[in-house]
Protein backbone atom coordinates (compact mmCIF):
# COMPACT_ATOMS: atom_id res chain seq x y z
CA MET A 1 6.43 -13.58 -14.19
CA ALA A 2 2.64 -13.96 -13.06
CA LEU A 3 2.56 -16.44 -15.90
CA ALA A 4 5.23 -18.20 -15.17
CA LEU A 5 4.09 -18.58 -11.50
CA ALA A 6 0.80 -19.68 -12.42
CA THR A 7 2.06 -22.36 -15.03
CA ILE A 8 4.05 -23.68 -12.29
CA GLY A 9 1.39 -23.70 -10.06
CA TRP A 10 -0.94 -25.29 -13.05
CA GLY A 11 1.77 -28.58 -13.27
CA ALA A 12 1.80 -28.90 -9.23
CA ASN A 13 -1.89 -29.55 -8.67
CA GLN A 14 -2.99 -31.02 -11.85
CA PHE A 15 -2.36 -34.62 -10.45
CA ALA A 16 -5.21 -34.13 -8.19
CA SER A 17 -7.88 -34.43 -10.97
CA THR A 18 -6.58 -37.58 -12.45
CA LEU A 19 -6.15 -39.51 -9.31
CA LEU A 20 -9.43 -41.18 -10.22
CA VAL A 21 -8.36 -41.90 -13.83
CA TYR A 22 -5.50 -44.36 -12.16
CA ARG A 23 -7.69 -45.66 -9.64
CA GLN A 24 -10.54 -46.56 -12.30
CA VAL A 25 -8.67 -47.03 -15.37
CA ASP A 26 -5.75 -48.45 -14.06
CA GLY A 27 -6.80 -50.14 -11.00
CA LEU A 28 -3.95 -48.62 -8.74
CA SER A 29 -4.82 -48.85 -5.08
CA ASP A 30 -5.65 -45.85 -2.86
CA SER A 31 -2.26 -46.37 -0.93
CA SER A 32 -0.11 -46.16 -4.50
CA VAL A 33 -2.30 -43.12 -5.63
CA THR A 34 -1.95 -41.01 -2.60
CA LEU A 35 1.80 -41.92 -2.10
CA MET A 36 2.18 -40.56 -5.69
CA PHE A 37 0.33 -37.62 -4.45
CA ALA A 38 2.46 -36.89 -1.56
CA ALA A 39 5.88 -37.71 -3.38
CA TYR A 40 5.55 -34.22 -4.63
CA VAL A 41 6.85 -33.01 -1.11
CA VAL A 42 9.86 -35.12 -1.38
CA GLY A 43 10.89 -32.67 -4.01
CA LEU A 44 9.41 -29.43 -2.95
CA MET A 45 10.85 -29.26 0.65
CA PRO A 46 14.68 -29.36 -0.41
CA ALA A 47 13.95 -27.08 -3.37
CA LEU A 48 12.02 -24.43 -1.29
CA LEU A 49 14.98 -24.23 1.29
CA GLY A 50 17.90 -24.19 -1.35
CA ALA A 51 16.27 -22.25 -4.12
CA ALA A 52 16.36 -19.13 -1.44
CA TRP A 53 20.30 -19.55 -1.21
CA LEU A 54 20.54 -20.09 -5.09
CA SER A 55 18.61 -17.08 -6.01
CA ALA A 56 20.54 -14.68 -3.57
CA HIS A 57 23.80 -15.82 -5.03
CA HIS A 58 23.10 -16.41 -8.67
CA GLY A 59 19.96 -14.21 -9.59
CA LEU A 60 16.35 -14.87 -10.12
CA ARG A 61 15.84 -15.33 -13.77
CA PRO A 62 18.32 -18.44 -13.89
CA ILE A 63 16.14 -19.90 -11.02
CA VAL A 64 12.83 -19.35 -12.54
CA ARG A 65 14.06 -20.75 -16.10
CA LEU A 66 15.05 -24.05 -14.47
CA ALA A 67 11.53 -24.19 -12.56
CA LEU A 68 9.67 -23.77 -15.71
CA VAL A 69 12.20 -26.12 -17.24
CA LEU A 70 11.40 -29.01 -14.28
CA ALA A 71 7.59 -28.37 -14.73
CA GLY A 72 7.53 -29.44 -18.18
CA LEU A 73 9.49 -32.02 -17.60
CA ALA A 74 7.45 -33.21 -14.76
CA SER A 75 4.49 -33.30 -16.88
CA GLY A 76 6.45 -35.41 -19.39
CA LEU A 77 7.26 -37.68 -16.82
CA LEU A 78 3.49 -38.08 -16.02
CA ILE A 79 2.79 -38.89 -19.60
CA LEU A 80 5.28 -41.71 -19.46
CA GLY A 81 3.62 -42.56 -16.39
CA ALA A 82 0.77 -44.05 -18.23
CA ASP A 83 2.93 -46.98 -19.12
CA GLN A 84 5.47 -46.80 -16.33
CA ILE A 85 4.48 -46.60 -12.86
CA TRP A 86 7.63 -45.25 -11.55
CA ALA A 87 7.44 -42.32 -14.12
CA LEU A 88 4.25 -41.21 -12.06
CA TYR A 89 6.32 -40.97 -8.75
CA ALA A 90 9.39 -39.51 -10.26
CA GLY A 91 6.97 -36.67 -12.15
CA ARG A 92 5.45 -36.06 -8.71
CA VAL A 93 9.06 -35.31 -7.13
CA VAL A 94 10.13 -33.46 -10.20
CA ALA A 95 6.88 -31.16 -10.02
CA GLY A 96 7.66 -30.69 -6.28
CA ILE A 97 11.15 -29.50 -7.03
CA ALA A 98 9.85 -26.78 -9.90
CA THR A 99 7.42 -25.56 -7.45
CA GLY A 100 9.60 -25.06 -4.60
CA THR A 101 12.28 -23.81 -6.69
CA ALA A 102 9.66 -21.09 -8.34
CA MET A 103 7.87 -19.95 -5.22
CA GLY A 104 10.67 -17.88 -3.72
CA ALA A 105 12.47 -16.61 -6.83
CA GLY A 106 9.03 -15.88 -8.80
CA THR A 107 7.80 -14.19 -5.59
CA ALA A 108 10.76 -12.06 -5.19
CA TRP A 109 11.01 -11.23 -9.03
CA ILE A 110 7.43 -9.89 -8.65
CA LYS A 111 8.00 -8.01 -5.80
CA GLU A 112 10.63 -6.26 -7.38
CA LEU A 113 8.68 -5.49 -10.49
CA SER A 114 5.90 -4.15 -8.27
CA ALA A 115 8.32 -1.50 -6.81
CA GLY A 116 6.60 1.87 -6.20
CA ALA A 117 3.00 0.10 -6.07
CA PRO A 118 1.47 0.20 -2.53
CA LEU A 119 2.88 -2.08 0.29
CA GLY A 120 1.96 -5.25 0.00
CA THR A 121 0.93 -5.20 -3.71
CA GLY A 122 3.96 -7.56 -4.80
CA ALA A 123 3.14 -9.98 -2.35
CA ARG A 124 -0.44 -9.97 -3.64
CA ARG A 125 0.20 -10.31 -7.17
CA ALA A 126 2.40 -13.13 -6.60
CA THR A 127 -0.01 -15.26 -4.29
CA ILE A 128 -3.05 -14.38 -6.91
CA ALA A 129 -0.61 -15.79 -9.67
CA LEU A 130 0.34 -18.93 -8.12
CA SER A 131 -3.32 -19.30 -6.36
CA ALA A 132 -4.56 -19.28 -10.13
CA GLY A 133 -2.29 -22.03 -11.14
CA PHE A 134 -2.77 -23.93 -8.18
CA GLY A 135 -6.76 -23.78 -8.50
CA GLY A 136 -6.91 -23.64 -12.28
CA GLY A 137 -4.84 -26.51 -12.73
CA PRO A 138 -6.89 -29.29 -11.56
CA LEU A 139 -9.88 -27.76 -12.84
CA VAL A 140 -8.32 -27.56 -16.42
CA ALA A 141 -6.82 -31.15 -16.19
CA GLY A 142 -10.26 -32.54 -15.02
CA LEU A 143 -12.22 -31.35 -17.89
CA VAL A 144 -9.68 -32.34 -20.40
CA ALA A 145 -9.52 -35.87 -18.79
CA ASP A 146 -13.32 -36.16 -19.05
CA LEU A 147 -13.60 -34.91 -22.61
CA ALA A 148 -10.52 -35.76 -24.34
CA PRO A 149 -9.09 -39.18 -25.11
CA ALA A 150 -6.37 -40.89 -23.40
CA PRO A 151 -6.76 -39.16 -20.02
CA GLN A 152 -3.58 -40.42 -18.42
CA VAL A 153 -1.72 -38.34 -21.17
CA THR A 154 -3.73 -35.61 -22.61
CA PRO A 155 -4.16 -33.33 -19.28
CA TYR A 156 -0.39 -33.36 -19.38
CA LEU A 157 0.12 -32.47 -23.11
CA LEU A 158 -1.73 -29.26 -22.42
CA HIS A 159 0.40 -28.39 -19.69
CA VAL A 160 3.78 -29.08 -21.59
CA ALA A 161 2.45 -26.98 -24.37
CA ALA A 162 1.38 -24.14 -22.15
CA THR A 163 4.92 -24.36 -20.15
CA ALA A 164 6.95 -24.06 -23.67
CA VAL A 165 4.99 -20.87 -24.48
CA THR A 166 5.36 -19.49 -21.20
CA LEU A 167 9.28 -20.09 -21.09
CA VAL A 168 9.72 -18.20 -24.59
CA PHE A 169 8.44 -15.25 -22.60
CA ALA A 170 10.02 -15.80 -19.54
CA TRP A 171 13.40 -16.53 -20.77
CA THR A 172 14.40 -12.91 -21.49
CA ALA A 173 12.35 -11.04 -19.12
CA PRO A 174 14.01 -8.30 -17.50
CA GLU A 175 15.44 -9.19 -14.12
CA PRO A 176 16.01 -6.78 -11.21
CA PRO A 177 19.77 -6.10 -10.56
CA ARG A 178 21.34 -8.77 -8.44
CA VAL A 179 23.01 -7.84 -5.00
CA ASP A 180 24.97 -10.72 -3.43
CA GLN A 181 23.53 -11.57 0.12
CA ALA A 182 24.95 -13.19 2.83
CA THR A 183 23.31 -16.39 3.28
CA PRO A 184 22.16 -17.22 7.27
CA THR A 185 23.30 -20.15 8.77
CA VAL A 186 21.31 -23.26 9.35
CA GLY A 187 22.11 -23.00 12.80
CA ALA A 188 20.65 -19.40 13.05
CA VAL A 189 17.54 -20.58 11.41
CA ALA A 190 17.09 -23.77 13.68
CA ARG A 191 17.34 -21.49 16.69
CA ALA A 192 15.12 -18.89 15.55
CA VAL A 193 12.48 -21.52 15.02
CA ALA A 194 12.83 -23.97 17.94
CA GLN A 195 11.05 -21.77 20.39
CA PRO A 196 8.08 -22.25 22.27
CA TRP A 197 5.91 -19.79 20.15
CA PHE A 198 6.81 -22.23 16.90
CA LEU A 199 6.62 -25.21 18.41
CA LEU A 200 3.39 -24.72 20.47
CA ARG A 201 1.42 -22.02 18.57
CA VAL A 202 2.52 -22.89 14.70
CA ALA A 203 3.76 -26.72 14.81
CA PRO A 204 0.43 -28.33 15.68
CA ALA A 205 -1.68 -26.33 13.22
CA ALA A 206 0.90 -25.74 10.26
CA PRO A 207 0.16 -29.44 8.79
CA TRP A 208 -3.57 -29.03 8.56
CA VAL A 209 -3.11 -26.01 6.20
CA PHE A 210 -2.76 -28.70 3.49
CA GLY A 211 -3.92 -31.82 5.32
CA ALA A 212 -7.56 -30.09 5.24
CA PRO A 213 -7.61 -29.44 1.60
CA THR A 214 -6.46 -32.53 0.56
CA ILE A 215 -9.11 -34.37 2.64
CA ALA A 216 -11.45 -32.05 0.69
CA PHE A 217 -10.28 -33.08 -2.94
CA VAL A 218 -8.25 -36.43 -2.60
CA VAL A 219 -9.58 -38.30 0.44
CA LEU A 220 -13.63 -37.66 -0.06
CA PRO A 221 -13.74 -38.07 -3.96
CA THR A 222 -11.56 -41.49 -3.93
CA ARG A 223 -13.75 -42.67 -0.86
CA LEU A 224 -16.89 -41.71 -2.74
CA ALA A 225 -15.63 -42.72 -6.35
CA GLY A 226 -18.82 -44.95 -6.59
CA ASP A 227 -21.33 -42.20 -6.58
CA LEU A 228 -19.49 -40.10 -8.84
CA THR A 229 -21.23 -41.09 -12.26
CA ILE A 230 -21.39 -37.72 -14.05
CA ALA A 231 -17.99 -36.35 -15.04
CA PRO A 232 -16.00 -37.74 -12.07
CA TYR A 233 -12.82 -36.36 -13.21
CA LEU A 234 -14.19 -32.90 -13.67
CA LEU A 235 -16.07 -33.01 -10.60
CA THR A 236 -13.08 -33.78 -8.62
CA GLY A 237 -11.02 -30.96 -10.53
CA PHE A 238 -13.89 -28.53 -9.71
CA ILE A 239 -13.67 -29.48 -5.88
CA ALA A 240 -9.79 -29.18 -5.90
CA GLY A 241 -9.95 -25.75 -7.71
CA ALA A 242 -12.94 -24.71 -5.48
CA THR A 243 -11.21 -25.72 -2.18
CA LEU A 244 -7.79 -23.97 -2.93
CA LEU A 245 -9.38 -20.82 -4.54
CA THR A 246 -11.59 -20.27 -1.38
CA GLY A 247 -8.60 -20.59 0.77
CA VAL A 248 -7.37 -17.74 -1.32
CA LEU A 249 -10.38 -15.61 -1.14
CA VAL A 250 -10.64 -15.77 2.71
CA GLN A 251 -7.09 -14.71 3.51
CA ALA A 252 -7.79 -10.93 2.80
CA PRO A 253 -10.32 -10.88 5.80
CA VAL A 254 -8.40 -13.25 7.83
CA ARG A 255 -5.66 -10.82 7.72
CA ARG A 256 -7.76 -7.96 9.07
CA PHE A 257 -8.94 -10.22 11.63
CA GLU A 258 -5.67 -11.15 12.84
CA ALA A 259 -4.65 -7.80 12.67
CA ALA A 260 -7.50 -6.60 14.92
CA ARG A 261 -6.80 -9.66 17.33
CA PRO A 262 -3.23 -10.88 16.87
CA GLY A 263 -3.02 -14.57 17.68
CA GLN A 264 -6.57 -15.26 17.33
CA SER A 265 -6.57 -16.56 13.70
CA VAL A 266 -4.97 -19.85 14.70
CA MET A 267 -7.57 -20.88 16.95
CA LEU A 268 -10.27 -19.43 14.19
CA GLY A 269 -8.68 -21.99 11.82
CA LEU A 270 -8.75 -24.73 13.96
CA VAL A 271 -12.64 -24.36 14.70
CA LEU A 272 -13.15 -24.17 10.94
CA LEU A 273 -10.94 -27.50 10.67
CA LEU A 274 -13.40 -29.27 13.24
CA ILE A 275 -16.56 -28.45 11.38
CA GLY A 276 -14.87 -29.32 8.09
CA LEU A 277 -13.77 -32.74 9.62
CA GLY A 278 -17.18 -33.31 11.14
CA LEU A 279 -19.11 -32.66 7.82
CA ALA A 280 -16.70 -34.98 6.08
CA MET A 281 -17.27 -37.69 8.60
CA ALA A 282 -20.99 -37.47 7.83
CA ALA A 283 -20.21 -37.20 3.96
CA LEU A 284 -18.66 -40.63 4.68
CA ALA A 285 -20.79 -42.10 6.96
CA LEU A 286 -23.89 -41.22 5.00
CA ASP A 287 -22.25 -41.92 1.55
CA THR A 288 -23.66 -38.56 0.30
CA VAL A 289 -21.93 -36.47 -2.57
CA TRP A 290 -23.92 -33.19 -1.57
CA LEU A 291 -22.14 -33.11 1.92
CA MET A 292 -18.79 -33.39 0.19
CA LEU A 293 -19.60 -30.40 -1.90
CA LEU A 294 -20.88 -28.55 1.36
CA THR A 295 -17.32 -29.61 2.98
CA THR A 296 -15.18 -28.00 0.17
CA PRO A 297 -15.60 -24.67 1.12
CA VAL A 298 -15.20 -25.04 5.01
CA LEU A 299 -11.84 -27.05 4.38
CA GLY A 300 -10.66 -24.39 1.91
CA ALA A 301 -11.49 -21.73 4.45
CA THR A 302 -9.21 -23.60 6.98
CA TYR A 303 -6.51 -23.64 4.58
CA GLY A 304 -6.40 -20.00 4.03
CA THR A 305 -7.05 -19.09 7.47
CA LEU A 306 -4.34 -21.59 8.98
CA MET A 307 -1.83 -20.17 6.18
CA VAL A 308 -2.34 -16.56 7.29
CA ALA A 309 -2.19 -17.55 10.86
CA GLY A 310 1.04 -19.48 10.61
CA LEU A 311 2.75 -16.88 8.44
CA ARG A 312 1.79 -13.88 10.52
CA GLU A 313 3.37 -15.85 14.02
CA VAL A 314 6.40 -16.26 11.70
CA GLU A 315 6.81 -12.32 10.90
CA ARG A 316 6.10 -11.33 14.49
CA ASN A 317 8.60 -13.48 16.04
CA VAL A 318 11.62 -14.25 13.42
CA PRO A 319 14.02 -11.41 13.05
CA SER A 320 14.25 -9.69 9.87
CA PRO A 321 17.55 -11.34 8.49
CA LEU A 322 16.19 -14.59 9.17
CA LEU A 323 12.67 -14.34 7.79
CA ALA A 324 12.97 -15.61 4.50
CA PRO A 325 14.47 -18.95 5.66
CA GLY A 326 11.81 -18.81 8.66
CA VAL A 327 8.91 -18.65 6.35
CA ALA A 328 10.30 -21.31 4.26
CA VAL A 329 10.62 -23.51 7.34
CA PHE A 330 6.80 -22.94 7.79
CA TYR A 331 5.86 -23.75 4.16
CA CYS A 332 7.97 -27.06 4.55
CA VAL A 333 5.74 -27.87 7.94
CA THR A 334 2.35 -27.24 6.07
CA TYR A 335 3.38 -29.49 3.08
CA LEU A 336 3.51 -32.39 5.72
CA GLY A 337 -0.40 -32.29 5.12
CA PHE A 338 0.16 -33.52 1.71
CA PHE A 339 0.77 -37.07 3.42
CA VAL A 340 -2.47 -37.00 5.22
CA PRO A 341 -4.56 -38.93 2.40
CA TRP A 342 -1.67 -41.71 2.26
CA LEU A 343 -1.83 -42.40 6.11
CA LEU A 344 -5.29 -42.66 5.81
CA SER A 345 -5.06 -45.25 2.90
CA LEU A 346 -3.05 -47.28 5.06
CA PHE A 347 -6.12 -48.47 6.54
CA PRO A 348 -8.58 -49.58 4.12
CA ARG A 349 -10.25 -51.72 6.03
CA THR A 350 -11.50 -48.99 8.79
CA PRO A 351 -14.53 -46.66 7.58
CA GLY A 352 -13.42 -43.56 6.37
CA TRP A 353 -15.58 -41.41 9.05
CA VAL A 354 -13.64 -43.35 11.69
CA LEU A 355 -10.45 -42.13 10.57
CA LEU A 356 -11.49 -38.80 9.96
CA GLY A 357 -12.66 -39.13 13.80
CA VAL A 358 -9.10 -39.75 14.86
CA GLY A 359 -8.08 -36.59 12.96
CA LEU A 360 -10.45 -34.51 14.45
CA LEU A 361 -9.51 -35.62 18.02
CA ILE A 362 -6.02 -34.80 16.98
CA ALA A 363 -7.33 -31.26 15.94
CA ALA A 364 -9.28 -30.74 19.19
CA VAL A 365 -6.00 -31.32 21.37
CA GLY A 366 -4.42 -28.87 18.92
CA LEU A 367 -7.19 -26.29 19.36
CA LEU A 368 -6.20 -26.85 23.34
CA VAL A 369 -2.32 -26.45 22.75
CA VAL A 370 -2.74 -23.28 20.66
CA ARG A 371 -4.74 -21.25 22.92
CA PRO A 372 -3.42 -17.73 23.26
CA GLY A 373 -0.91 -17.53 26.02
CA ARG A 374 1.52 -14.82 26.73
CA ARG A 375 3.58 -13.49 24.07
CA HIS A 376 7.04 -15.06 23.54
CA ARG A 377 10.16 -13.02 23.02
CA THR A 378 11.65 -12.66 19.59
CA ALA A 379 14.54 -14.77 18.72
CA THR A 380 17.65 -13.30 18.32
CA VAL A 381 20.36 -14.02 15.81
């Protein structure tokens, strides 16, 4: 199951390394490639919300099988996209469906397989598996795109092959016994999250969970593409991988920080965001690659910190029967950050550092909104 999650995560983020390929080789505009990148969210959101219901009633194995098949199909569509632009959009949407389908079912499966281990072992194993794919995927794709022929095709071929091998192992993997579960109503979930704690503490920060790292590995490399003269695709993949893996590495210390100071980690994340946006503004204003590299770990740490902060708020405030769909709603809001590069691309004549300055102001307002206040009562079902 860990291999399955890593393979699906690889397919989800490999596109980040090929954005420059489509810009430099195919001549596509910034708005086109960033919209393709964000199309992933269109598939991910409904799949993330729907897969929990499907796995509760039909078991985990069929859902993971479906996710792996969809991940391979997504890479196949991206291969077709070398000649057909529509296939790039379709491939990204299908990749989002694959990831959203796998996240809940695969994580639940690994937790079941980790029964008897210390508390939190299953969740940690699932996080490591997904993160290995999320971070390693763009690194592998960037390396292949730089060294192998046909950079619009070869990286995805490798992923199709890896998915086929993984599918062989996962197809007959032993599944935990299925227990048909009652599904929370949409109204109950909506009432649980439509509360001040979510609207005033989680919602202002959640889109930056992925908005921050996409600035690091989508916005900065495309805006500074002219200065990336040595292995540009590999460097882009390295930045993407380093950003996401940094976010994973900081989560354990942030959890300890949050345990000692409940509610403070969201502010810590937004402070890191302000620092990261400031560095990103300087990188674009000075047209300096080394500042871009310095920005990477800061925005990666922002991603990890805000992810932990949001999940902790959900865990504290959502009743246990609604926790799984409540977390899914939180994830959906975080993935809105994938649209940040596309929004910035809509203003091609405005200097990038100015656009990031607007983002910095928005983040500063968010920091004022989420400042610690009185605790809100947990919602009832």
